[in-house]
Amino acid sequence: MDSCDPRTRAYKNGKTFDECRVIARDLCLVLSRKVDQSGSVTWDDILEASGHDELVYKLALKYLRQDGYDIGDWKAPRVTKPTA
């Protein structure tokens, strides 16, 4: 029986989901430093930093939110420092 294994499915450029997670985690470290220095980062900057890879982009936003950053919404598409 053939079935899809989500751990080995290739996404953009042949990367697996686990590889995309590692890339997004590394990207979050860079982006969090940038947010801490400048106060905010736009969603467009995150998309560009992720190489226009939708999965990495979405995971990066998810991880930033988990780290306590305000990821904004469609009215204010930017990531800002966490509020106290």
PDB file of N, CA and C in Angstrom:
ATOM      1  N   MET A   1       0.842  -1.181   0.000  1.00  0.00           N
ATOM      2  CA  MET A   1       0.000   0.000   0.000  1.00  0.00           C
ATOM      3  C   MET A   1       0.885   1.242   0.000  1.00  0.00           C
ATOM      4  N   ASP A   2       0.645   2.111  -0.939  1.00  0.00           N
ATOM      5  CA  ASP A   2       1.388   3.369  -1.019  1.00  0.00           C
ATOM      6  C   ASP A   2       0.689   4.417  -0.181  1.00  0.00           C
ATOM      7  N   SER A   3       1.482   5.119   0.624  1.00  0.00           N
ATOM      8  CA  SER A   3       0.924   6.219   1.401  1.00  0.00           C
ATOM      9  C   SER A   3       1.948   7.332   1.476  1.00  0.00           C
ATOM     10  N   CYS A   4       1.471   8.511   1.751  1.00  0.00           N
ATOM     11  CA  CYS A   4       2.344   9.671   1.847  1.00  0.00           C
ATOM     12  C   CYS A   4       2.909   9.754   3.259  1.00  0.00           C
ATOM     13  N   ASP A   5       4.190   9.837   3.368  1.00  0.00           N
ATOM     14  CA  ASP A   5       4.846  10.010   4.653  1.00  0.00           C
ATOM     15  C   ASP A   5       5.181  11.480   4.788  1.00  0.00           C
ATOM     16  N   PRO A   6       4.554  12.210   5.727  1.00  0.00           N
ATOM     17  CA  PRO A   6       4.775  13.656   5.827  1.00  0.00           C
ATOM     18  C   PRO A   6       6.209  14.014   6.205  1.00  0.00           C
ATOM     19  N   ARG A   7       6.956  13.084   6.764  1.00  0.00           N
ATOM     20  CA  ARG A   7       8.330  13.390   7.163  1.00  0.00           C
ATOM     21  C   ARG A   7       9.287  13.398   5.985  1.00  0.00           C
ATOM     22  N   THR A   8       8.901  12.774   4.869  1.00  0.00           N
ATOM     23  CA  THR A   8       9.813  12.692   3.736  1.00  0.00           C
ATOM     24  C   THR A   8       9.310  13.417   2.501  1.00  0.00           C
ATOM     25  N   ARG A   9       8.165  14.041   2.588  1.00  0.00           N
ATOM     26  CA  ARG A   9       7.621  14.754   1.432  1.00  0.00           C
ATOM     27  C   ARG A   9       8.502  15.952   1.114  1.00  0.00           C
ATOM     28  N   ALA A  10       8.815  16.145  -0.144  1.00  0.00           N
ATOM     29  CA  ALA A  10       9.656  17.261  -0.552  1.00  0.00           C
ATOM     30  C   ALA A  10       8.793  18.499  -0.776  1.00  0.00           C
ATOM     31  N   TYR A  11       9.251  19.599  -0.222  1.00  0.00           N
ATOM     32  CA  TYR A  11       8.601  20.875  -0.429  1.00  0.00           C
ATOM     33  C   TYR A  11       9.422  21.664  -1.430  1.00  0.00           C
ATOM     34  N   LYS A  12       9.334  22.975  -1.398  1.00  0.00           N
ATOM     35  CA  LYS A  12      10.044  23.815  -2.361  1.00  0.00           C
ATOM     36  C   LYS A  12      11.542  23.492  -2.372  1.00  0.00           C
ATOM     37  N   ASN A  13      12.098  23.375  -3.544  1.00  0.00           N
ATOM     38  CA  ASN A  13      13.516  23.080  -3.747  1.00  0.00           C
ATOM     39  C   ASN A  13      13.924  21.743  -3.141  1.00  0.00           C
ATOM     40  N   GLY A  14      12.984  20.813  -2.975  1.00  0.00           N
ATOM     41  CA  GLY A  14      13.296  19.478  -2.518  1.00  0.00           C
ATOM     42  C   GLY A  14      13.597  19.343  -1.037  1.00  0.00           C
ATOM     43  N   LYS A  15      13.259  20.345  -0.241  1.00  0.00           N
ATOM     44  CA  LYS A  15      13.510  20.287   1.198  1.00  0.00           C
ATOM     45  C   LYS A  15      12.371  19.542   1.896  1.00  0.00           C
ATOM     46  N   THR A  16      12.713  18.807   2.942  1.00  0.00           N
ATOM     47  CA  THR A  16      11.683  18.145   3.742  1.00  0.00           C
ATOM     48  C   THR A  16      11.144  19.134   4.764  1.00  0.00           C
ATOM     49  N   PHE A  17      10.064  18.739   5.422  1.00  0.00           N
ATOM     50  CA  PHE A  17       9.457  19.608   6.430  1.00  0.00           C
ATOM     51  C   PHE A  17      10.430  19.872   7.572  1.00  0.00           C
ATOM     52  N   ASP A  18      11.161  18.849   7.975  1.00  0.00           N
ATOM     53  CA  ASP A  18      12.128  19.013   9.063  1.00  0.00           C
ATOM     54  C   ASP A  18      13.237  19.994   8.681  1.00  0.00           C
ATOM     55  N   GLU A  19      13.673  19.953   7.448  1.00  0.00           N
ATOM     56  CA  GLU A  19      14.690  20.908   6.981  1.00  0.00           C
ATOM     57  C   GLU A  19      14.135  22.325   6.975  1.00  0.00           C
ATOM     58  N   CYS A  20      12.880  22.478   6.589  1.00  0.00           N
ATOM     59  CA  CYS A  20      12.238  23.796   6.601  1.00  0.00           C
ATOM     60  C   CYS A  20      12.128  24.323   8.026  1.00  0.00           C
ATOM     61  N   ARG A  21      11.849  23.434   8.980  1.00  0.00           N
ATOM     62  CA  ARG A  21      11.776  23.849  10.384  1.00  0.00           C
ATOM     63  C   ARG A  21      13.117  24.364  10.888  1.00  0.00           C
ATOM     64  N   VAL A  22      14.189  23.684  10.541  1.00  0.00           N
ATOM     65  CA  VAL A  22      15.527  24.106  10.964  1.00  0.00           C
ATOM     66  C   VAL A  22      15.876  25.454  10.351  1.00  0.00           C
ATOM     67  N   ILE A  23      15.566  25.640   9.085  1.00  0.00           N
ATOM     68  CA  ILE A  23      15.832  26.915   8.402  1.00  0.00           C
ATOM     69  C   ILE A  23      15.035  28.035   9.062  1.00  0.00           C
ATOM     70  N   ALA A  24      13.764  27.780   9.360  1.00  0.00           N
ATOM     71  CA  ALA A  24      12.909  28.792   9.987  1.00  0.00           C
ATOM     72  C   ALA A  24      13.409  29.151  11.381  1.00  0.00           C
ATOM     73  N   ARG A  25      13.865  28.163  12.154  1.00  0.00           N
ATOM     74  CA  ARG A  25      14.412  28.431  13.490  1.00  0.00           C
ATOM     75  C   ARG A  25      15.650  29.317  13.394  1.00  0.00           C
ATOM     76  N   ASP A  26      16.547  29.008  12.454  1.00  0.00           N
ATOM     77  CA  ASP A  26      17.749  29.827  12.258  1.00  0.00           C
ATOM     78  C   ASP A  26      17.373  31.242  11.823  1.00  0.00           C
ATOM     79  N   LEU A  27      16.384  31.338  10.954  1.00  0.00           N
ATOM     80  CA  LEU A  27      15.918  32.640  10.481  1.00  0.00           C
ATOM     81  C   LEU A  27      15.322  33.452  11.628  1.00  0.00           C
ATOM     82  N   CYS A  28      14.637  32.801  12.547  1.00  0.00           N
ATOM     83  CA  CYS A  28      14.041  33.494  13.692  1.00  0.00           C
ATOM     84  C   CYS A  28      15.096  34.128  14.578  1.00  0.00           C
ATOM     85  N   LEU A  29      16.226  33.473  14.737  1.00  0.00           N
ATOM     86  CA  LEU A  29      17.305  34.048  15.537  1.00  0.00           C
ATOM     87  C   LEU A  29      17.787  35.359  14.923  1.00  0.00           C
ATOM     88  N   VAL A  30      17.955  35.364  13.613  1.00  0.00           N
ATOM     89  CA  VAL A  30      18.389  36.573  12.905  1.00  0.00           C
ATOM     90  C   VAL A  30      17.320  37.657  12.993  1.00  0.00           C
ATOM     91  N   LEU A  31      16.072  37.262  12.757  1.00  0.00           N
ATOM     92  CA  LEU A  31      14.978  38.239  12.762  1.00  0.00           C
ATOM     93  C   LEU A  31      14.739  38.812  14.152  1.00  0.00           C
ATOM     94  N   SER A  32      14.865  38.000  15.187  1.00  0.00           N
ATOM     95  CA  SER A  32      14.635  38.514  16.538  1.00  0.00           C
ATOM     96  C   SER A  32      15.695  39.549  16.908  1.00  0.00           C
ATOM     97  N   ARG A  33      16.936  39.334  16.470  1.00  0.00           N
ATOM     98  CA  ARG A  33      17.970  40.356  16.707  1.00  0.00           C
ATOM     99  C   ARG A  33      17.637  41.646  15.967  1.00  0.00           C
ATOM    100  N   LYS A  34      17.136  41.489  14.738  1.00  0.00           N
ATOM    101  CA  LYS A  34      16.782  42.653  13.930  1.00  0.00           C
ATOM    102  C   LYS A  34      15.612  43.421  14.558  1.00  0.00           C
ATOM    103  N   VAL A  35      14.628  42.698  15.080  1.00  0.00           N
ATOM    104  CA  VAL A  35      13.484  43.339  15.742  1.00  0.00           C
ATOM    105  C   VAL A  35      13.953  44.066  16.998  1.00  0.00           C
ATOM    106  N   ASP A  36      14.835  43.426  17.766  1.00  0.00           N
ATOM    107  CA  ASP A  36      15.341  44.047  18.993  1.00  0.00           C
ATOM    108  C   ASP A  36      16.131  45.322  18.697  1.00  0.00           C
ATOM    109  N   GLN A  37      16.833  45.359  17.573  1.00  0.00           N
ATOM    110  CA  GLN A  37      17.624  46.541  17.216  1.00  0.00           C
ATOM    111  C   GLN A  37      16.770  47.658  16.638  1.00  0.00           C
ATOM    112  N   SER A  38      15.912  47.309  15.695  1.00  0.00           N
ATOM    113  CA  SER A  38      15.170  48.351  14.982  1.00  0.00           C
ATOM    114  C   SER A  38      13.759  48.581  15.511  1.00  0.00           C
ATOM    115  N   GLY A  39      13.235  47.667  16.313  1.00  0.00           N
ATOM    116  CA  GLY A  39      11.893  47.841  16.856  1.00  0.00           C
ATOM    117  C   GLY A  39      10.823  47.072  16.116  1.00  0.00           C
ATOM    118  N   SER A  40      11.019  46.842  14.814  1.00  0.00           N
ATOM    119  CA  SER A  40      10.038  46.065  14.057  1.00  0.00           C
ATOM    120  C   SER A  40      10.646  45.567  12.751  1.00  0.00           C
ATOM    121  N   VAL A  41      10.014  44.534  12.206  1.00  0.00           N
ATOM    122  CA  VAL A  41      10.382  43.970  10.907  1.00  0.00           C
ATOM    123  C   VAL A  41       9.085  43.721  10.167  1.00  0.00           C
ATOM    124  N   THR A  42       9.019  44.107   8.908  1.00  0.00           N
ATOM    125  CA  THR A  42       7.790  43.907   8.134  1.00  0.00           C
ATOM    126  C   THR A  42       7.691  42.469   7.642  1.00  0.00           C
ATOM    127  N   TRP A  43       6.473  42.072   7.336  1.00  0.00           N
ATOM    128  CA  TRP A  43       6.253  40.731   6.797  1.00  0.00           C
ATOM    129  C   TRP A  43       6.980  40.573   5.471  1.00  0.00           C
ATOM    130  N   ASP A  44       7.055  41.631   4.680  1.00  0.00           N
ATOM    131  CA  ASP A  44       7.767  41.563   3.402  1.00  0.00           C
ATOM    132  C   ASP A  44       9.249  41.261   3.614  1.00  0.00           C
ATOM    133  N   ASP A  45       9.839  41.845   4.661  1.00  0.00           N
ATOM    134  CA  ASP A  45      11.239  41.560   4.969  1.00  0.00           C
ATOM    135  C   ASP A  45      11.425  40.087   5.338  1.00  0.00           C
ATOM    136  N   ILE A  46      10.467  39.534   6.080  1.00  0.00           N
ATOM    137  CA  ILE A  46      10.545  38.132   6.470  1.00  0.00           C
ATOM    138  C   ILE A  46      10.399  37.233   5.250  1.00  0.00           C
ATOM    139  N   LEU A  47       9.474  37.583   4.360  1.00  0.00           N
ATOM    140  CA  LEU A  47       9.284  36.803   3.139  1.00  0.00           C
ATOM    141  C   LEU A  47      10.547  36.825   2.284  1.00  0.00           C
ATOM    142  N   GLU A  48      11.165  37.974   2.177  1.00  0.00           N
ATOM    143  CA  GLU A  48      12.403  38.094   1.406  1.00  0.00           C
ATOM    144  C   GLU A  48      13.535  37.299   2.060  1.00  0.00           C
ATOM    145  N   ALA A  49      13.632  37.373   3.391  1.00  0.00           N
ATOM    146  CA  ALA A  49      14.683  36.647   4.112  1.00  0.00           C
ATOM    147  C   ALA A  49      14.491  35.141   4.002  1.00  0.00           C
ATOM    148  N   SER A  50      13.249  34.692   3.854  1.00  0.00           N
ATOM    149  CA  SER A  50      12.973  33.263   3.729  1.00  0.00           C
ATOM    150  C   SER A  50      13.156  32.766   2.308  1.00  0.00           C
ATOM    151  N   GLY A  51      13.577  33.624   1.401  1.00  0.00           N
ATOM    152  CA  GLY A  51      13.775  33.215   0.017  1.00  0.00           C
ATOM    153  C   GLY A  51      12.473  32.952  -0.707  1.00  0.00           C
ATOM    154  N   HIS A  52      11.417  33.638  -0.294  1.00  0.00           N
ATOM    155  CA  HIS A  52      10.077  33.493  -0.866  1.00  0.00           C
ATOM    156  C   HIS A  52       9.579  32.054  -0.773  1.00  0.00           C
ATOM    157  N   ASP A  53      10.016  31.341   0.252  1.00  0.00           N
ATOM    158  CA  ASP A  53       9.554  29.986   0.536  1.00  0.00           C
ATOM    159  C   ASP A  53       8.408  30.101   1.531  1.00  0.00           C
ATOM    160  N   GLU A  54       7.203  29.789   1.087  1.00  0.00           N
ATOM    161  CA  GLU A  54       6.004  30.004   1.891  1.00  0.00           C
ATOM    162  C   GLU A  54       6.028  29.221   3.206  1.00  0.00           C
ATOM    163  N   LEU A  55       6.499  28.000   3.176  1.00  0.00           N
ATOM    164  CA  LEU A  55       6.521  27.185   4.383  1.00  0.00           C
ATOM    165  C   LEU A  55       7.496  27.743   5.420  1.00  0.00           C
ATOM    166  N   VAL A  56       8.677  28.134   4.988  1.00  0.00           N
ATOM    167  CA  VAL A  56       9.671  28.716   5.896  1.00  0.00           C
ATOM    168  C   VAL A  56       9.141  30.033   6.459  1.00  0.00           C
ATOM    169  N   TYR A  57       8.496  30.823   5.612  1.00  0.00           N
ATOM    170  CA  TYR A  57       7.911  32.107   6.016  1.00  0.00           C
ATOM    171  C   TYR A  57       6.872  31.911   7.126  1.00  0.00           C
ATOM    172  N   LYS A  58       5.953  30.974   6.913  1.00  0.00           N
ATOM    173  CA  LYS A  58       4.893  30.731   7.894  1.00  0.00           C
ATOM    174  C   LYS A  58       5.461  30.155   9.194  1.00  0.00           C
ATOM    175  N   LEU A  59       6.424  29.262   9.070  1.00  0.00           N
ATOM    176  CA  LEU A  59       7.045  28.710  10.270  1.00  0.00           C
ATOM    177  C   LEU A  59       7.807  29.776  11.044  1.00  0.00           C
ATOM    178  N   ALA A  60       8.470  30.683  10.329  1.00  0.00           N
ATOM    179  CA  ALA A  60       9.211  31.761  10.992  1.00  0.00           C
ATOM    180  C   ALA A  60       8.253  32.650  11.788  1.00  0.00           C
ATOM    181  N   LEU A  61       7.122  32.997  11.205  1.00  0.00           N
ATOM    182  CA  LEU A  61       6.127  33.791  11.934  1.00  0.00           C
ATOM    183  C   LEU A  61       5.601  33.027  13.145  1.00  0.00           C
ATOM    184  N   LYS A  62       5.373  31.740  12.979  1.00  0.00           N
ATOM    185  CA  LYS A  62       4.894  30.918  14.091  1.00  0.00           C
ATOM    186  C   LYS A  62       5.909  30.916  15.224  1.00  0.00           C
ATOM    187  N   TYR A  63       7.174  30.713  14.901  1.00  0.00           N
ATOM    188  CA  TYR A  63       8.209  30.650  15.932  1.00  0.00           C
ATOM    189  C   TYR A  63       8.424  32.006  16.596  1.00  0.00           C
ATOM    190  N   LEU A  64       8.299  33.082  15.843  1.00  0.00           N
ATOM    191  CA  LEU A  64       8.414  34.407  16.445  1.00  0.00           C
ATOM    192  C   LEU A  64       7.271  34.642  17.434  1.00  0.00           C
ATOM    193  N   ARG A  65       6.073  34.215  17.063  1.00  0.00           N
ATOM    194  CA  ARG A  65       4.924  34.348  17.969  1.00  0.00           C
ATOM    195  C   ARG A  65       5.136  33.501  19.223  1.00  0.00           C
ATOM    196  N   GLN A  66       5.669  32.297  19.064  1.00  0.00           N
ATOM    197  CA  GLN A  66       5.936  31.433  20.214  1.00  0.00           C
ATOM    198  C   GLN A  66       6.999  32.040  21.133  1.00  0.00           C
ATOM    199  N   ASP A  67       7.916  32.818  20.561  1.00  0.00           N
ATOM    200  CA  ASP A  67       8.958  33.460  21.352  1.00  0.00           C
ATOM    201  C   ASP A  67       8.468  34.740  22.026  1.00  0.00           C
ATOM    202  N   GLY A  68       7.196  35.092  21.814  1.00  0.00           N
ATOM    203  CA  GLY A  68       6.603  36.229  22.508  1.00  0.00           C
ATOM    204  C   GLY A  68       6.522  37.507  21.707  1.00  0.00           C
ATOM    205  N   TYR A  69       6.908  37.480  20.448  1.00  0.00           N
ATOM    206  CA  TYR A  69       6.829  38.681  19.619  1.00  0.00           C
ATOM    207  C   TYR A  69       5.403  38.872  19.112  1.00  0.00           C
ATOM    208  N   ASP A  70       5.018  40.129  18.913  1.00  0.00           N
ATOM    209  CA  ASP A  70       3.718  40.458  18.340  1.00  0.00           C
ATOM    210  C   ASP A  70       3.892  40.418  16.828  1.00  0.00           C
ATOM    211  N   ILE A  71       3.245  39.454  16.159  1.00  0.00           N
ATOM    212  CA  ILE A  71       3.443  39.305  14.718  1.00  0.00           C
ATOM    213  C   ILE A  71       2.464  40.150  13.904  1.00  0.00           C
ATOM    214  N   GLY A  72       1.614  40.915  14.552  1.00  0.00           N
ATOM    215  CA  GLY A  72       0.710  41.814  13.840  1.00  0.00           C
ATOM    216  C   GLY A  72      -0.437  41.090  13.167  1.00  0.00           C
ATOM    217  N   ASP A  73      -1.071  41.778  12.232  1.00  0.00           N
ATOM    218  CA  ASP A  73      -2.173  41.220  11.459  1.00  0.00           C
ATOM    219  C   ASP A  73      -2.198  41.903  10.095  1.00  0.00           C
ATOM    220  N   TRP A  74      -3.275  41.710   9.346  1.00  0.00           N
ATOM    221  CA  TRP A  74      -3.326  42.262   7.992  1.00  0.00           C
ATOM    222  C   TRP A  74      -3.360  43.786   7.985  1.00  0.00           C
ATOM    223  N   LYS A  75      -3.803  44.409   9.075  1.00  0.00           N
ATOM    224  CA  LYS A  75      -3.824  45.867   9.153  1.00  0.00           C
ATOM    225  C   LYS A  75      -2.442  46.431   9.479  1.00  0.00           C
ATOM    226  N   ALA A  76      -1.678  45.696  10.274  1.00  0.00           N
ATOM    227  CA  ALA A  76      -0.326  46.120  10.665  1.00  0.00           C
ATOM    228  C   ALA A  76       0.615  44.934  10.436  1.00  0.00           C
ATOM    229  N   PRO A  77       1.013  44.711   9.159  1.00  0.00           N
ATOM    230  CA  PRO A  77       1.821  43.522   8.850  1.00  0.00           C
ATOM    231  C   PRO A  77       3.288  43.696   9.256  1.00  0.00           C
ATOM    232  N   ARG A  78       3.551  43.642  10.545  1.00  0.00           N
ATOM    233  CA  ARG A  78       4.923  43.765  11.025  1.00  0.00           C
ATOM    234  C   ARG A  78       5.076  43.027  12.339  1.00  0.00           C
ATOM    235  N   VAL A  79       6.295  42.629  12.619  1.00  0.00           N
ATOM    236  CA  VAL A  79       6.634  41.960  13.875  1.00  0.00           C
ATOM    237  C   VAL A  79       7.290  42.986  14.761  1.00  0.00           C
ATOM    238  N   THR A  80       6.806  43.096  16.000  1.00  0.00           N
ATOM    239  CA  THR A  80       7.347  44.064  16.938  1.00  0.00           C
ATOM    240  C   THR A  80       7.807  43.372  18.226  1.00  0.00           C
ATOM    241  N   LYS A  81       8.533  44.128  19.026  1.00  0.00           N
ATOM    242  CA  LYS A  81       9.023  43.610  20.300  1.00  0.00           C
ATOM    243  C   LYS A  81       7.861  43.217  21.184  1.00  0.00           C
ATOM    244  N   PRO A  82       8.093  42.227  22.039  1.00  0.00           N
ATOM    245  CA  PRO A  82       7.027  41.865  22.980  1.00  0.00           C
ATOM    246  C   PRO A  82       6.779  42.984  23.974  1.00  0.00           C
ATOM    247  N   THR A  83       5.531  43.189  24.312  1.00  0.00           N
ATOM    248  CA  THR A  83       5.191  44.212  25.285  1.00  0.00           C
ATOM    249  C   THR A  83       5.230  43.606  26.678  1.00  0.00           C
ATOM    250  N   ALA A  84       5.627  44.415  27.633  1.00  0.00           N
ATOM    251  CA  ALA A  84       5.791  43.900  29.001  1.00  0.00           C
ATOM    252  C   ALA A  84       4.515  43.568  29.660  1.00  0.00           C
TER     253      ALA A  84
END
